[in-house]
Amino acid sequence: MCAPIARANHGASQALSFLSHFTRNFRLNKTELVAAIAADVELSKAEAARVLDAVLENLTKALARGEAVQLIGFGNFTVASRPERTGRNPSTGEQMTIKASKSPKFAAGKALKDAVNAAA
């Protein structure tokens, strides 16, 4: 089941226009992302920061519930389960049990892949 925040389809074009702002070869940090959102949708930086925080919080909550989040054109966030397994301690070579865990996964959508490849 997809989370309610994943239902909007108009975000793909906004995400693609956002990518055009940042074609430099370095990491985009949260402050720069907030500034870009604020400029694109004519919000204050404080309002844009609250929006970004709300999006990330809702994404995190949905994944914590085990739900998939689908953002058409951008990508899919899912949770993968890893079973318990046996491994070795690299220092001692001693056999040990590695606990089962869950890990968030992201698969890029076609529009995002196309935008990244066009910028290359």
C-alpha atoms as a PDB file:
ATOM      1  CA  MET A   1       0.000   0.000   0.000  1.00  0.00           C
ATOM      2  CA  CYS A   2       1.362   3.411  -0.919  1.00  0.00           C
ATOM      3  CA  ALA A   3       1.380   6.256   1.568  1.00  0.00           C
ATOM      4  CA  PRO A   4      -1.020   9.168   0.980  1.00  0.00           C
ATOM      5  CA  ILE A   5       1.825  11.601   0.316  1.00  0.00           C
ATOM      6  CA  ALA A   6       2.783   9.542  -2.709  1.00  0.00           C
ATOM      7  CA  ARG A   7      -0.403  10.192  -4.650  1.00  0.00           C
ATOM      8  CA  ALA A   8       0.549  13.549  -6.209  1.00  0.00           C
ATOM      9  CA  ASN A   9       1.755  13.335  -9.814  1.00  0.00           C
ATOM     10  CA  HIS A  10       2.627  16.998 -10.351  1.00  0.00           C
ATOM     11  CA  GLY A  11       5.814  16.729  -8.285  1.00  0.00           C
ATOM     12  CA  ALA A  12       7.796  15.063 -11.074  1.00  0.00           C
ATOM     13  CA  SER A  13       8.024  18.183 -13.228  1.00  0.00           C
ATOM     14  CA  GLN A  14       8.937  20.281 -10.189  1.00  0.00           C
ATOM     15  CA  ALA A  15      11.652  17.787  -9.276  1.00  0.00           C
ATOM     16  CA  LEU A  16      13.059  17.952 -12.777  1.00  0.00           C
ATOM     17  CA  SER A  17      13.081  21.757 -12.807  1.00  0.00           C
ATOM     18  CA  PHE A  18      14.795  21.652  -9.417  1.00  0.00           C
ATOM     19  CA  LEU A  19      17.599  19.470 -10.833  1.00  0.00           C
ATOM     20  CA  SER A  20      18.404  22.134 -13.403  1.00  0.00           C
ATOM     21  CA  HIS A  21      19.294  24.522 -10.556  1.00  0.00           C
ATOM     22  CA  PHE A  22      22.098  22.287  -9.381  1.00  0.00           C
ATOM     23  CA  THR A  23      24.326  21.014 -12.137  1.00  0.00           C
ATOM     24  CA  ARG A  24      27.500  21.616 -10.137  1.00  0.00           C
ATOM     25  CA  ASN A  25      29.665  18.683  -9.098  1.00  0.00           C
ATOM     26  CA  PHE A  26      29.184  18.754  -5.352  1.00  0.00           C
ATOM     27  CA  ARG A  27      26.675  17.618  -2.783  1.00  0.00           C
ATOM     28  CA  LEU A  28      23.487  19.560  -2.249  1.00  0.00           C
ATOM     29  CA  ASN A  29      22.890  20.193   1.438  1.00  0.00           C
ATOM     30  CA  LYS A  30      19.603  20.824   3.231  1.00  0.00           C
ATOM     31  CA  THR A  31      20.103  24.600   3.399  1.00  0.00           C
ATOM     32  CA  GLU A  32      20.577  24.827  -0.380  1.00  0.00           C
ATOM     33  CA  LEU A  33      17.596  22.545  -0.966  1.00  0.00           C
ATOM     34  CA  VAL A  34      15.396  24.729   1.268  1.00  0.00           C
ATOM     35  CA  ALA A  35      16.567  27.864  -0.568  1.00  0.00           C
ATOM     36  CA  ALA A  36      15.757  26.301  -3.954  1.00  0.00           C
ATOM     37  CA  ILE A  37      12.289  25.198  -2.802  1.00  0.00           C
ATOM     38  CA  ALA A  38      11.614  28.660  -1.367  1.00  0.00           C
ATOM     39  CA  ALA A  39      12.609  30.324  -4.642  1.00  0.00           C
ATOM     40  CA  ASP A  40      10.633  27.905  -6.845  1.00  0.00           C
ATOM     41  CA  VAL A  41       7.330  28.160  -4.972  1.00  0.00           C
ATOM     42  CA  GLU A  42       7.727  31.689  -3.587  1.00  0.00           C
ATOM     43  CA  LEU A  43       7.777  30.763   0.105  1.00  0.00           C
ATOM     44  CA  SER A  44       9.983  32.052   2.854  1.00  0.00           C
ATOM     45  CA  LYS A  45      12.964  29.858   3.692  1.00  0.00           C
ATOM     46  CA  ALA A  46      11.376  29.074   7.080  1.00  0.00           C
ATOM     47  CA  GLU A  47       8.154  27.907   5.402  1.00  0.00           C
ATOM     48  CA  ALA A  48      10.093  25.877   2.841  1.00  0.00           C
ATOM     49  CA  ALA A  49      12.107  24.263   5.661  1.00  0.00           C
ATOM     50  CA  ARG A  50       8.875  23.277   7.444  1.00  0.00           C
ATOM     51  CA  VAL A  51       7.521  21.797   4.205  1.00  0.00           C
ATOM     52  CA  LEU A  52      10.707  19.792   3.590  1.00  0.00           C
ATOM     53  CA  ASP A  53      10.747  18.586   7.214  1.00  0.00           C
ATOM     54  CA  ALA A  54       7.096  17.504   6.921  1.00  0.00           C
ATOM     55  CA  VAL A  55       7.775  15.604   3.692  1.00  0.00           C
ATOM     56  CA  LEU A  56      10.767  13.805   5.188  1.00  0.00           C
ATOM     57  CA  GLU A  57       8.898  13.045   8.424  1.00  0.00           C
ATOM     58  CA  ASN A  58       5.924  11.575   6.564  1.00  0.00           C
ATOM     59  CA  LEU A  59       8.206   9.568   4.289  1.00  0.00           C
ATOM     60  CA  THR A  60      10.025   8.196   7.338  1.00  0.00           C
ATOM     61  CA  LYS A  61       6.762   7.331   9.132  1.00  0.00           C
ATOM     62  CA  ALA A  62       5.395   5.513   6.077  1.00  0.00           C
ATOM     63  CA  LEU A  63       8.577   3.454   5.704  1.00  0.00           C
ATOM     64  CA  ALA A  64       8.622   2.700   9.444  1.00  0.00           C
ATOM     65  CA  ARG A  65       5.094   1.265   9.043  1.00  0.00           C
ATOM     66  CA  GLY A  66       6.425  -0.912   6.225  1.00  0.00           C
ATOM     67  CA  GLU A  67       4.577   1.000   3.506  1.00  0.00           C
ATOM     68  CA  ALA A  68       6.014   1.763   0.092  1.00  0.00           C
ATOM     69  CA  VAL A  69       6.038   5.399  -1.055  1.00  0.00           C
ATOM     70  CA  GLN A  70       5.642   5.984  -4.780  1.00  0.00           C
ATOM     71  CA  LEU A  71       6.384   9.413  -6.238  1.00  0.00           C
ATOM     72  CA  ILE A  72       5.491   9.083  -9.911  1.00  0.00           C
ATOM     73  CA  GLY A  73       8.365  10.262 -12.102  1.00  0.00           C
ATOM     74  CA  PHE A  74      10.745  10.591  -9.159  1.00  0.00           C
ATOM     75  CA  GLY A  75      11.014   7.122  -7.679  1.00  0.00           C
ATOM     76  CA  ASN A  76       9.889   4.507  -5.194  1.00  0.00           C
ATOM     77  CA  PHE A  77      10.910   4.138  -1.574  1.00  0.00           C
ATOM     78  CA  THR A  78      10.482   0.653  -0.101  1.00  0.00           C
ATOM     79  CA  VAL A  79      11.624  -1.341   2.907  1.00  0.00           C
ATOM     80  CA  ALA A  80      13.694  -4.481   2.353  1.00  0.00           C
ATOM     81  CA  SER A  81      14.009  -7.130   5.039  1.00  0.00           C
ATOM     82  CA  ARG A  82      17.302  -8.869   5.624  1.00  0.00           C
ATOM     83  CA  PRO A  83      17.098 -12.239   7.379  1.00  0.00           C
ATOM     84  CA  GLU A  84      19.329 -13.243  10.261  1.00  0.00           C
ATOM     85  CA  ARG A  85      22.536 -14.764   8.953  1.00  0.00           C
ATOM     86  CA  THR A  86      25.901 -16.090  10.023  1.00  0.00           C
ATOM     87  CA  GLY A  87      29.014 -14.023   9.395  1.00  0.00           C
ATOM     88  CA  ARG A  88      32.587 -13.734  10.595  1.00  0.00           C
ATOM     89  CA  ASN A  89      34.232 -11.133  12.783  1.00  0.00           C
ATOM     90  CA  PRO A  90      36.876  -9.604  10.475  1.00  0.00           C
ATOM     91  CA  SER A  91      39.303  -9.053  13.373  1.00  0.00           C
ATOM     92  CA  THR A  92      39.211 -12.519  14.874  1.00  0.00           C
ATOM     93  CA  GLY A  93      37.678 -14.692  12.186  1.00  0.00           C
ATOM     94  CA  GLU A  94      35.236 -15.911  14.820  1.00  0.00           C
ATOM     95  CA  GLN A  95      31.806 -16.944  13.569  1.00  0.00           C
ATOM     96  CA  MET A  96      28.944 -14.689  14.706  1.00  0.00           C
ATOM     97  CA  THR A  97      25.227 -14.178  14.151  1.00  0.00           C
ATOM     98  CA  ILE A  98      24.152 -11.013  12.336  1.00  0.00           C
ATOM     99  CA  LYS A  99      20.644  -9.978  13.425  1.00  0.00           C
ATOM    100  CA  ALA A 100      17.747  -9.617  11.011  1.00  0.00           C
ATOM    101  CA  SER A 101      17.176  -6.022   9.956  1.00  0.00           C
ATOM    102  CA  LYS A 102      15.153  -3.770   7.697  1.00  0.00           C
ATOM    103  CA  SER A 103      16.700  -1.306   5.280  1.00  0.00           C
ATOM    104  CA  PRO A 104      15.131   1.519   3.236  1.00  0.00           C
ATOM    105  CA  LYS A 105      15.612   1.209  -0.511  1.00  0.00           C
ATOM    106  CA  PHE A 106      15.140   3.753  -3.316  1.00  0.00           C
ATOM    107  CA  ALA A 107      14.569   3.025  -6.989  1.00  0.00           C
ATOM    108  CA  ALA A 108      14.713   6.049  -9.297  1.00  0.00           C
ATOM    109  CA  GLY A 109      11.795   6.655 -11.649  1.00  0.00           C
ATOM    110  CA  LYS A 110      12.124   7.126 -15.389  1.00  0.00           C
ATOM    111  CA  ALA A 111      11.775  10.928 -15.340  1.00  0.00           C
ATOM    112  CA  LEU A 112      14.511  11.254 -12.709  1.00  0.00           C
ATOM    113  CA  LYS A 113      16.812   8.876 -14.607  1.00  0.00           C
ATOM    114  CA  ASP A 114      16.206  10.800 -17.826  1.00  0.00           C
ATOM    115  CA  ALA A 115      16.939  14.141 -16.126  1.00  0.00           C
ATOM    116  CA  VAL A 116      20.161  12.840 -14.585  1.00  0.00           C
ATOM    117  CA  ASN A 117      21.317  11.369 -17.910  1.00  0.00           C
ATOM    118  CA  ALA A 118      20.434  14.569 -19.781  1.00  0.00           C
ATOM    119  CA  ALA A 119      22.563  16.593 -17.352  1.00  0.00           C
ATOM    120  CA  ALA A 120      25.560  14.301 -17.844  1.00  0.00           C
END
